Amino acid sequence: MLTAASREFAVPAALTVGFLLGFLLGVFLGAQLLSGFLLACGYLPDPAFAFDSVQALVRTVPGMWLLRFLHVNGATTAFVLMSCHWAKAFAVHSYAYPREHVWWTGCAIVALLMLAAFTGYVLVWGQISYWALTVITNLATAIPLVGSDLLTALWGGEVLNAHSLGRFYCVHFLVPLALCGLAGVHLLVLHQMHGKLSAELMSAGGKDQLPFGPCSA
């Protein structure tokens, strides 16, 4: 039985696993932040030492091989969950009025996730990641008039150098912090739509309701 206080955040009892995808993404974001911070403690953002520092970290520090494995594969899992979350949003027409703001904040989160994943891939500074960075950033030259200048600004010079790696390291470190803020905005907008969302869910899955969490019981 719901009290007056818990009814404000009541949810339909017929919730499915699909509605937990956003929560799972939040869990993975937290895990990525923690593992990334610990890995950053032993990483050297210098072209001469970056690759060796990663190898030394996973080969000589106990448990770091597992932490890096979880960090790398956690990013892949997050994209799988994001794809499922996005597909579910399409299925329930979350992009349409009046929930378009939830959709657009979610799209911004996807863009930041892609940026974080790409910059993290670059930080290893191996042959594959080096040439991946070269190819992807050279796409900027397709922009008329300012393309070449933009590429120089991204690289910090005419060729990839220590400044380039330092910039991508800073981006990789700062983007997850921006992701946390944007995820908070996403949740805020979602809860503002809570009444309409619950109505949609009840029409699809029954009228029985449960408290959102123990604190609201």
C-alpha atoms as a PDB file:
ATOM      1  CA  MET A   1       0.000   0.000   0.000  1.00  0.00           C
ATOM      2  CA  LEU A   2       1.416   3.402  -0.976  1.00  0.00           C
ATOM      3  CA  THR A   3       1.454   6.330   1.400  1.00  0.00           C
ATOM      4  CA  ALA A   4       0.918   9.902   0.223  1.00  0.00           C
ATOM      5  CA  ALA A   5       4.669  10.554   0.349  1.00  0.00           C
ATOM      6  CA  SER A   6       5.623   7.437  -1.592  1.00  0.00           C
ATOM      7  CA  ARG A   7       2.920   7.965  -4.239  1.00  0.00           C
ATOM      8  CA  GLU A   8       4.901  10.923  -5.646  1.00  0.00           C
ATOM      9  CA  PHE A   9       7.608   8.540  -6.890  1.00  0.00           C
ATOM     10  CA  ALA A  10       5.518   5.423  -7.395  1.00  0.00           C
ATOM     11  CA  VAL A  11       6.335   3.178 -10.336  1.00  0.00           C
ATOM     12  CA  PRO A  12       4.283   0.466 -12.066  1.00  0.00           C
ATOM     13  CA  ALA A  13       4.801  -3.042 -10.699  1.00  0.00           C
ATOM     14  CA  ALA A  14       5.136  -4.404 -14.254  1.00  0.00           C
ATOM     15  CA  LEU A  15       8.543  -2.843 -14.921  1.00  0.00           C
ATOM     16  CA  THR A  16      10.808  -4.902 -17.187  1.00  0.00           C
ATOM     17  CA  VAL A  17      14.572  -5.292 -17.484  1.00  0.00           C
ATOM     18  CA  GLY A  18      14.544  -2.714 -20.282  1.00  0.00           C
ATOM     19  CA  PHE A  19      13.801   0.001 -17.762  1.00  0.00           C
ATOM     20  CA  LEU A  20      16.960  -0.864 -15.793  1.00  0.00           C
ATOM     21  CA  LEU A  21      19.331  -0.084 -18.675  1.00  0.00           C
ATOM     22  CA  GLY A  22      19.782   3.535 -17.612  1.00  0.00           C
ATOM     23  CA  PHE A  23      20.566   2.447 -14.052  1.00  0.00           C
ATOM     24  CA  LEU A  24      23.117  -0.106 -15.302  1.00  0.00           C
ATOM     25  CA  LEU A  25      24.760   2.592 -17.420  1.00  0.00           C
ATOM     26  CA  GLY A  26      25.079   4.726 -14.301  1.00  0.00           C
ATOM     27  CA  VAL A  27      26.741   1.826 -12.460  1.00  0.00           C
ATOM     28  CA  PHE A  28      29.210   1.321 -15.300  1.00  0.00           C
ATOM     29  CA  LEU A  29      29.956   5.047 -15.424  1.00  0.00           C
ATOM     30  CA  GLY A  30      30.850   4.992 -11.737  1.00  0.00           C
ATOM     31  CA  ALA A  31      33.038   1.913 -12.217  1.00  0.00           C
ATOM     32  CA  GLN A  32      34.810   3.535 -15.173  1.00  0.00           C
ATOM     33  CA  LEU A  33      35.500   6.681 -13.159  1.00  0.00           C
ATOM     34  CA  LEU A  34      37.004   4.722 -10.266  1.00  0.00           C
ATOM     35  CA  SER A  35      39.114   2.368 -12.383  1.00  0.00           C
ATOM     36  CA  GLY A  36      40.242   5.208 -14.658  1.00  0.00           C
ATOM     37  CA  PHE A  37      41.395   7.291 -11.695  1.00  0.00           C
ATOM     38  CA  LEU A  38      43.447   4.386 -10.325  1.00  0.00           C
ATOM     39  CA  LEU A  39      44.993   3.693 -13.736  1.00  0.00           C
ATOM     40  CA  ALA A  40      45.836   7.375 -14.188  1.00  0.00           C
ATOM     41  CA  CYS A  41      48.001   7.225 -11.051  1.00  0.00           C
ATOM     42  CA  GLY A  42      50.575   5.151 -12.946  1.00  0.00           C
ATOM     43  CA  TYR A  43      50.215   6.561 -16.464  1.00  0.00           C
ATOM     44  CA  LEU A  44      52.767   8.921 -18.046  1.00  0.00           C
ATOM     45  CA  PRO A  45      51.241  11.142 -20.781  1.00  0.00           C
ATOM     46  CA  ASP A  46      54.453  11.418 -22.781  1.00  0.00           C
ATOM     47  CA  PRO A  47      54.993   9.820 -26.221  1.00  0.00           C
ATOM     48  CA  ALA A  48      58.331   8.401 -25.083  1.00  0.00           C
ATOM     49  CA  PHE A  49      56.892   6.668 -22.008  1.00  0.00           C
ATOM     50  CA  ALA A  50      53.122   6.265 -22.506  1.00  0.00           C
ATOM     51  CA  PHE A  51      53.146   2.748 -23.965  1.00  0.00           C
ATOM     52  CA  ASP A  52      55.836   1.502 -21.584  1.00  0.00           C
ATOM     53  CA  SER A  53      54.027   2.994 -18.588  1.00  0.00           C
ATOM     54  CA  VAL A  54      50.873   1.067 -19.490  1.00  0.00           C
ATOM     55  CA  GLN A  55      52.844  -2.145 -19.903  1.00  0.00           C
ATOM     56  CA  ALA A  56      54.707  -1.620 -16.650  1.00  0.00           C
ATOM     57  CA  LEU A  57      51.457  -0.878 -14.854  1.00  0.00           C
ATOM     58  CA  VAL A  58      49.762  -4.111 -15.898  1.00  0.00           C
ATOM     59  CA  ARG A  59      52.862  -6.305 -15.579  1.00  0.00           C
ATOM     60  CA  THR A  60      54.426  -5.130 -12.334  1.00  0.00           C
ATOM     61  CA  VAL A  61      51.636  -3.687 -10.148  1.00  0.00           C
ATOM     62  CA  PRO A  62      49.540  -6.441  -8.528  1.00  0.00           C
ATOM     63  CA  GLY A  63      45.953  -6.455  -9.708  1.00  0.00           C
ATOM     64  CA  MET A  64      46.373  -3.670 -12.266  1.00  0.00           C
ATOM     65  CA  TRP A  65      46.056  -6.071 -15.195  1.00  0.00           C
ATOM     66  CA  LEU A  66      42.586  -6.930 -13.982  1.00  0.00           C
ATOM     67  CA  LEU A  67      41.717  -3.282 -13.391  1.00  0.00           C
ATOM     68  CA  ARG A  68      42.777  -2.326 -16.922  1.00  0.00           C
ATOM     69  CA  PHE A  69      40.881  -5.314 -18.335  1.00  0.00           C
ATOM     70  CA  LEU A  70      37.741  -4.163 -16.508  1.00  0.00           C
ATOM     71  CA  HIS A  71      38.247  -0.551 -17.624  1.00  0.00           C
ATOM     72  CA  VAL A  72      38.677  -1.438 -21.294  1.00  0.00           C
ATOM     73  CA  ASN A  73      35.862  -3.971 -21.425  1.00  0.00           C
ATOM     74  CA  GLY A  74      33.659  -1.813 -19.219  1.00  0.00           C
ATOM     75  CA  ALA A  75      33.691   0.822 -21.954  1.00  0.00           C
ATOM     76  CA  THR A  76      32.649  -1.785 -24.529  1.00  0.00           C
ATOM     77  CA  THR A  77      29.870  -3.052 -22.259  1.00  0.00           C
ATOM     78  CA  ALA A  78      28.666   0.499 -21.686  1.00  0.00           C
ATOM     79  CA  PHE A  79      28.263   0.956 -25.450  1.00  0.00           C
ATOM     80  CA  VAL A  80      26.312  -2.304 -25.703  1.00  0.00           C
ATOM     81  CA  LEU A  81      24.001  -1.149 -22.908  1.00  0.00           C
ATOM     82  CA  MET A  82      23.727   2.286 -24.520  1.00  0.00           C
ATOM     83  CA  SER A  83      22.701   0.704 -27.826  1.00  0.00           C
ATOM     84  CA  CYS A  84      20.001  -1.311 -26.069  1.00  0.00           C
ATOM     85  CA  HIS A  85      18.875   1.770 -24.145  1.00  0.00           C
ATOM     86  CA  TRP A  86      18.703   3.778 -27.356  1.00  0.00           C
ATOM     87  CA  ALA A  87      16.754   1.023 -29.143  1.00  0.00           C
ATOM     88  CA  LYS A  88      14.277   0.928 -26.276  1.00  0.00           C
ATOM     89  CA  ALA A  89      13.922   4.718 -26.429  1.00  0.00           C
ATOM     90  CA  PHE A  90      13.081   4.434 -30.135  1.00  0.00           C
ATOM     91  CA  ALA A  91      10.571   1.691 -29.399  1.00  0.00           C
ATOM     92  CA  VAL A  92       8.675   3.780 -26.842  1.00  0.00           C
ATOM     93  CA  HIS A  93       9.045   7.018 -28.857  1.00  0.00           C
ATOM     94  CA  SER A  94      11.039   8.830 -26.179  1.00  0.00           C
ATOM     95  CA  TYR A  95      12.293  11.266 -28.811  1.00  0.00           C
ATOM     96  CA  ALA A  96       8.811  12.683 -29.335  1.00  0.00           C
ATOM     97  CA  TYR A  97       6.983  15.431 -27.468  1.00  0.00           C
ATOM     98  CA  PRO A  98       6.740  15.873 -24.498  1.00  0.00           C
ATOM     99  CA  ARG A  99       9.907  13.870 -23.694  1.00  0.00           C
ATOM    100  CA  GLU A 100      12.199  15.292 -26.354  1.00  0.00           C
ATOM    101  CA  HIS A 101      14.424  16.926 -23.708  1.00  0.00           C
ATOM    102  CA  VAL A 102      15.154  13.503 -22.201  1.00  0.00           C
ATOM    103  CA  TRP A 103      16.081  12.306 -25.679  1.00  0.00           C
ATOM    104  CA  TRP A 104      18.424  15.189 -26.484  1.00  0.00           C
ATOM    105  CA  THR A 105      20.273  14.987 -23.172  1.00  0.00           C
ATOM    106  CA  GLY A 106      20.681  11.275 -23.828  1.00  0.00           C
ATOM    107  CA  CYS A 107      22.117  11.987 -27.291  1.00  0.00           C
ATOM    108  CA  ALA A 108      24.607  14.398 -25.715  1.00  0.00           C
ATOM    109  CA  ILE A 109      25.642  11.660 -23.281  1.00  0.00           C
ATOM    110  CA  VAL A 110      26.256   9.302 -26.221  1.00  0.00           C
ATOM    111  CA  ALA A 111      28.466  11.912 -27.918  1.00  0.00           C
ATOM    112  CA  LEU A 112      30.529  12.395 -24.752  1.00  0.00           C
ATOM    113  CA  LEU A 113      30.842   8.629 -24.285  1.00  0.00           C
ATOM    114  CA  MET A 114      32.208   8.310 -27.812  1.00  0.00           C
ATOM    115  CA  LEU A 115      34.702  11.110 -27.153  1.00  0.00           C
ATOM    116  CA  ALA A 116      35.815   9.505 -23.886  1.00  0.00           C
ATOM    117  CA  ALA A 117      36.221   6.094 -25.545  1.00  0.00           C
ATOM    118  CA  PHE A 118      38.228   7.485 -28.470  1.00  0.00           C
ATOM    119  CA  THR A 119      40.583   9.554 -26.327  1.00  0.00           C
ATOM    120  CA  GLY A 120      41.088   6.579 -23.992  1.00  0.00           C
ATOM    121  CA  TYR A 121      41.977   4.384 -26.962  1.00  0.00           C
ATOM    122  CA  VAL A 122      44.563   6.947 -28.046  1.00  0.00           C
ATOM    123  CA  LEU A 123      46.323   7.105 -24.672  1.00  0.00           C
ATOM    124  CA  VAL A 124      47.992   3.709 -25.101  1.00  0.00           C
ATOM    125  CA  TRP A 125      50.051   5.321 -27.876  1.00  0.00           C
ATOM    126  CA  GLY A 126      50.723   2.071 -29.692  1.00  0.00           C
ATOM    127  CA  GLN A 127      50.940   1.752 -33.446  1.00  0.00           C
ATOM    128  CA  ILE A 128      47.232   1.091 -33.921  1.00  0.00           C
ATOM    129  CA  SER A 129      46.058   3.894 -31.633  1.00  0.00           C
ATOM    130  CA  TYR A 130      48.629   6.321 -33.089  1.00  0.00           C
ATOM    131  CA  TRP A 131      47.427   5.801 -36.648  1.00  0.00           C
ATOM    132  CA  ALA A 132      43.796   5.764 -35.565  1.00  0.00           C
ATOM    133  CA  LEU A 133      44.345   9.217 -34.073  1.00  0.00           C
ATOM    134  CA  THR A 134      46.088  10.365 -37.241  1.00  0.00           C
ATOM    135  CA  VAL A 135      43.274   9.204 -39.510  1.00  0.00           C
ATOM    136  CA  ILE A 136      40.368  10.427 -37.368  1.00  0.00           C
ATOM    137  CA  THR A 137      41.783  13.862 -36.633  1.00  0.00           C
ATOM    138  CA  ASN A 138      42.692  14.372 -40.299  1.00  0.00           C
ATOM    139  CA  LEU A 139      38.973  14.356 -41.021  1.00  0.00           C
ATOM    140  CA  ALA A 140      39.044  17.940 -39.735  1.00  0.00           C
ATOM    141  CA  THR A 141      40.813  18.965 -42.946  1.00  0.00           C
ATOM    142  CA  ALA A 142      37.555  18.273 -44.822  1.00  0.00           C
ATOM    143  CA  ILE A 143      36.091  21.416 -43.231  1.00  0.00           C
ATOM    144  CA  PRO A 144      36.437  24.277 -45.757  1.00  0.00           C
ATOM    145  CA  LEU A 145      38.731  27.221 -44.966  1.00  0.00           C
ATOM    146  CA  VAL A 146      39.484  26.358 -41.322  1.00  0.00           C
ATOM    147  CA  GLY A 147      40.154  22.611 -41.575  1.00  0.00           C
ATOM    148  CA  SER A 148      43.953  22.774 -41.623  1.00  0.00           C
ATOM    149  CA  ASP A 149      44.108  25.326 -38.818  1.00  0.00           C
ATOM    150  CA  LEU A 150      41.741  23.206 -36.741  1.00  0.00           C
ATOM    151  CA  LEU A 151      43.947  20.149 -37.236  1.00  0.00           C
ATOM    152  CA  THR A 152      47.005  22.124 -36.138  1.00  0.00           C
ATOM    153  CA  ALA A 153      45.121  23.275 -33.052  1.00  0.00           C
ATOM    154  CA  LEU A 154      44.118  19.688 -32.229  1.00  0.00           C
ATOM    155  CA  TRP A 155      47.663  18.418 -32.622  1.00  0.00           C
ATOM    156  CA  GLY A 156      49.387  21.380 -31.023  1.00  0.00           C
ATOM    157  CA  GLY A 157      51.732  21.558 -33.996  1.00  0.00           C
ATOM    158  CA  GLU A 158      52.270  20.352 -37.545  1.00  0.00           C
ATOM    159  CA  VAL A 159      52.724  16.717 -36.452  1.00  0.00           C
ATOM    160  CA  LEU A 160      51.568  14.565 -33.552  1.00  0.00           C
ATOM    161  CA  ASN A 161      53.744  15.276 -30.549  1.00  0.00           C
ATOM    162  CA  ALA A 162      53.821  15.438 -26.748  1.00  0.00           C
ATOM    163  CA  HIS A 163      51.373  18.335 -26.772  1.00  0.00           C
ATOM    164  CA  SER A 164      48.904  16.198 -28.749  1.00  0.00           C
ATOM    165  CA  LEU A 165      49.006  13.363 -26.233  1.00  0.00           C
ATOM    166  CA  GLY A 166      48.755  15.798 -23.321  1.00  0.00           C
ATOM    167  CA  ARG A 167      45.651  17.405 -24.804  1.00  0.00           C
ATOM    168  CA  PHE A 168      43.886  14.109 -25.402  1.00  0.00           C
ATOM    169  CA  TYR A 169      44.836  12.963 -21.906  1.00  0.00           C
ATOM    170  CA  CYS A 170      43.222  16.084 -20.434  1.00  0.00           C
ATOM    171  CA  VAL A 171      40.107  15.573 -22.557  1.00  0.00           C
ATOM    172  CA  HIS A 172      39.868  11.934 -21.464  1.00  0.00           C
ATOM    173  CA  PHE A 173      40.147  12.994 -17.834  1.00  0.00           C
ATOM    174  CA  LEU A 174      37.639  15.861 -18.033  1.00  0.00           C
ATOM    175  CA  VAL A 175      34.930  14.334 -20.248  1.00  0.00           C
ATOM    176  CA  PRO A 176      33.818  11.781 -17.608  1.00  0.00           C
ATOM    177  CA  LEU A 177      33.318  14.636 -15.137  1.00  0.00           C
ATOM    178  CA  ALA A 178      31.138  16.393 -17.705  1.00  0.00           C
ATOM    179  CA  LEU A 179      29.332  13.095 -18.221  1.00  0.00           C
ATOM    180  CA  CYS A 180      28.444  12.965 -14.522  1.00  0.00           C
ATOM    181  CA  GLY A 181      26.925  16.431 -14.693  1.00  0.00           C
ATOM    182  CA  LEU A 182      25.027  15.662 -17.884  1.00  0.00           C
ATOM    183  CA  ALA A 183      23.757  12.377 -16.438  1.00  0.00           C
ATOM    184  CA  GLY A 184      22.413  14.373 -13.495  1.00  0.00           C
ATOM    185  CA  VAL A 185      20.594  16.707 -15.891  1.00  0.00           C
ATOM    186  CA  HIS A 186      19.256  13.671 -17.770  1.00  0.00           C
ATOM    187  CA  LEU A 187      17.852  12.215 -14.539  1.00  0.00           C
ATOM    188  CA  LEU A 188      16.414  15.563 -13.505  1.00  0.00           C
ATOM    189  CA  VAL A 189      14.575  15.974 -16.803  1.00  0.00           C
ATOM    190  CA  LEU A 190      13.401  12.361 -16.588  1.00  0.00           C
ATOM    191  CA  HIS A 191      11.960  12.858 -13.097  1.00  0.00           C
ATOM    192  CA  GLN A 192      10.216  16.018 -14.254  1.00  0.00           C
ATOM    193  CA  MET A 193       8.476  13.780 -16.773  1.00  0.00           C
ATOM    194  CA  HIS A 194       7.775  11.176 -14.098  1.00  0.00           C
ATOM    195  CA  GLY A 195       4.005  11.595 -14.108  1.00  0.00           C
ATOM    196  CA  LYS A 196       3.676  11.142 -17.875  1.00  0.00           C
ATOM    197  CA  LEU A 197       6.173   8.270 -17.834  1.00  0.00           C
ATOM    198  CA  SER A 198       4.248   6.399 -15.133  1.00  0.00           C
ATOM    199  CA  ALA A 199       1.005   6.886 -17.065  1.00  0.00           C
ATOM    200  CA  GLU A 200       2.585   5.346 -20.167  1.00  0.00           C
ATOM    201  CA  LEU A 201       3.989   2.413 -18.231  1.00  0.00           C
ATOM    202  CA  MET A 202       0.705   1.737 -16.442  1.00  0.00           C
ATOM    203  CA  SER A 203      -1.175   1.728 -19.720  1.00  0.00           C
ATOM    204  CA  ALA A 204       1.329  -0.817 -21.048  1.00  0.00           C
ATOM    205  CA  GLY A 205       1.928  -2.967 -18.011  1.00  0.00           C
ATOM    206  CA  GLY A 206      -0.871  -2.794 -15.457  1.00  0.00           C
ATOM    207  CA  LYS A 207      -2.120  -0.426 -12.784  1.00  0.00           C
ATOM    208  CA  ASP A 208      -0.390  -1.904  -9.714  1.00  0.00           C
ATOM    209  CA  GLN A 209       2.193   0.471  -8.274  1.00  0.00           C
ATOM    210  CA  LEU A 210       5.230   0.112  -6.014  1.00  0.00           C
ATOM    211  CA  PRO A 211       7.437   2.701  -4.266  1.00  0.00           C
ATOM    212  CA  PHE A 212      10.418   3.895  -6.293  1.00  0.00           C
ATOM    213  CA  GLY A 213      12.784   2.838  -3.481  1.00  0.00           C
ATOM    214  CA  PRO A 214      12.901   1.862   0.206  1.00  0.00           C
ATOM    215  CA  CYS A 215      13.267   5.500   1.267  1.00  0.00           C
ATOM    216  CA  SER A 216       9.904   6.332  -0.298  1.00  0.00           C
ATOM    217  CA  ALA A 217       8.020   3.397   1.197  1.00  0.00           C
END
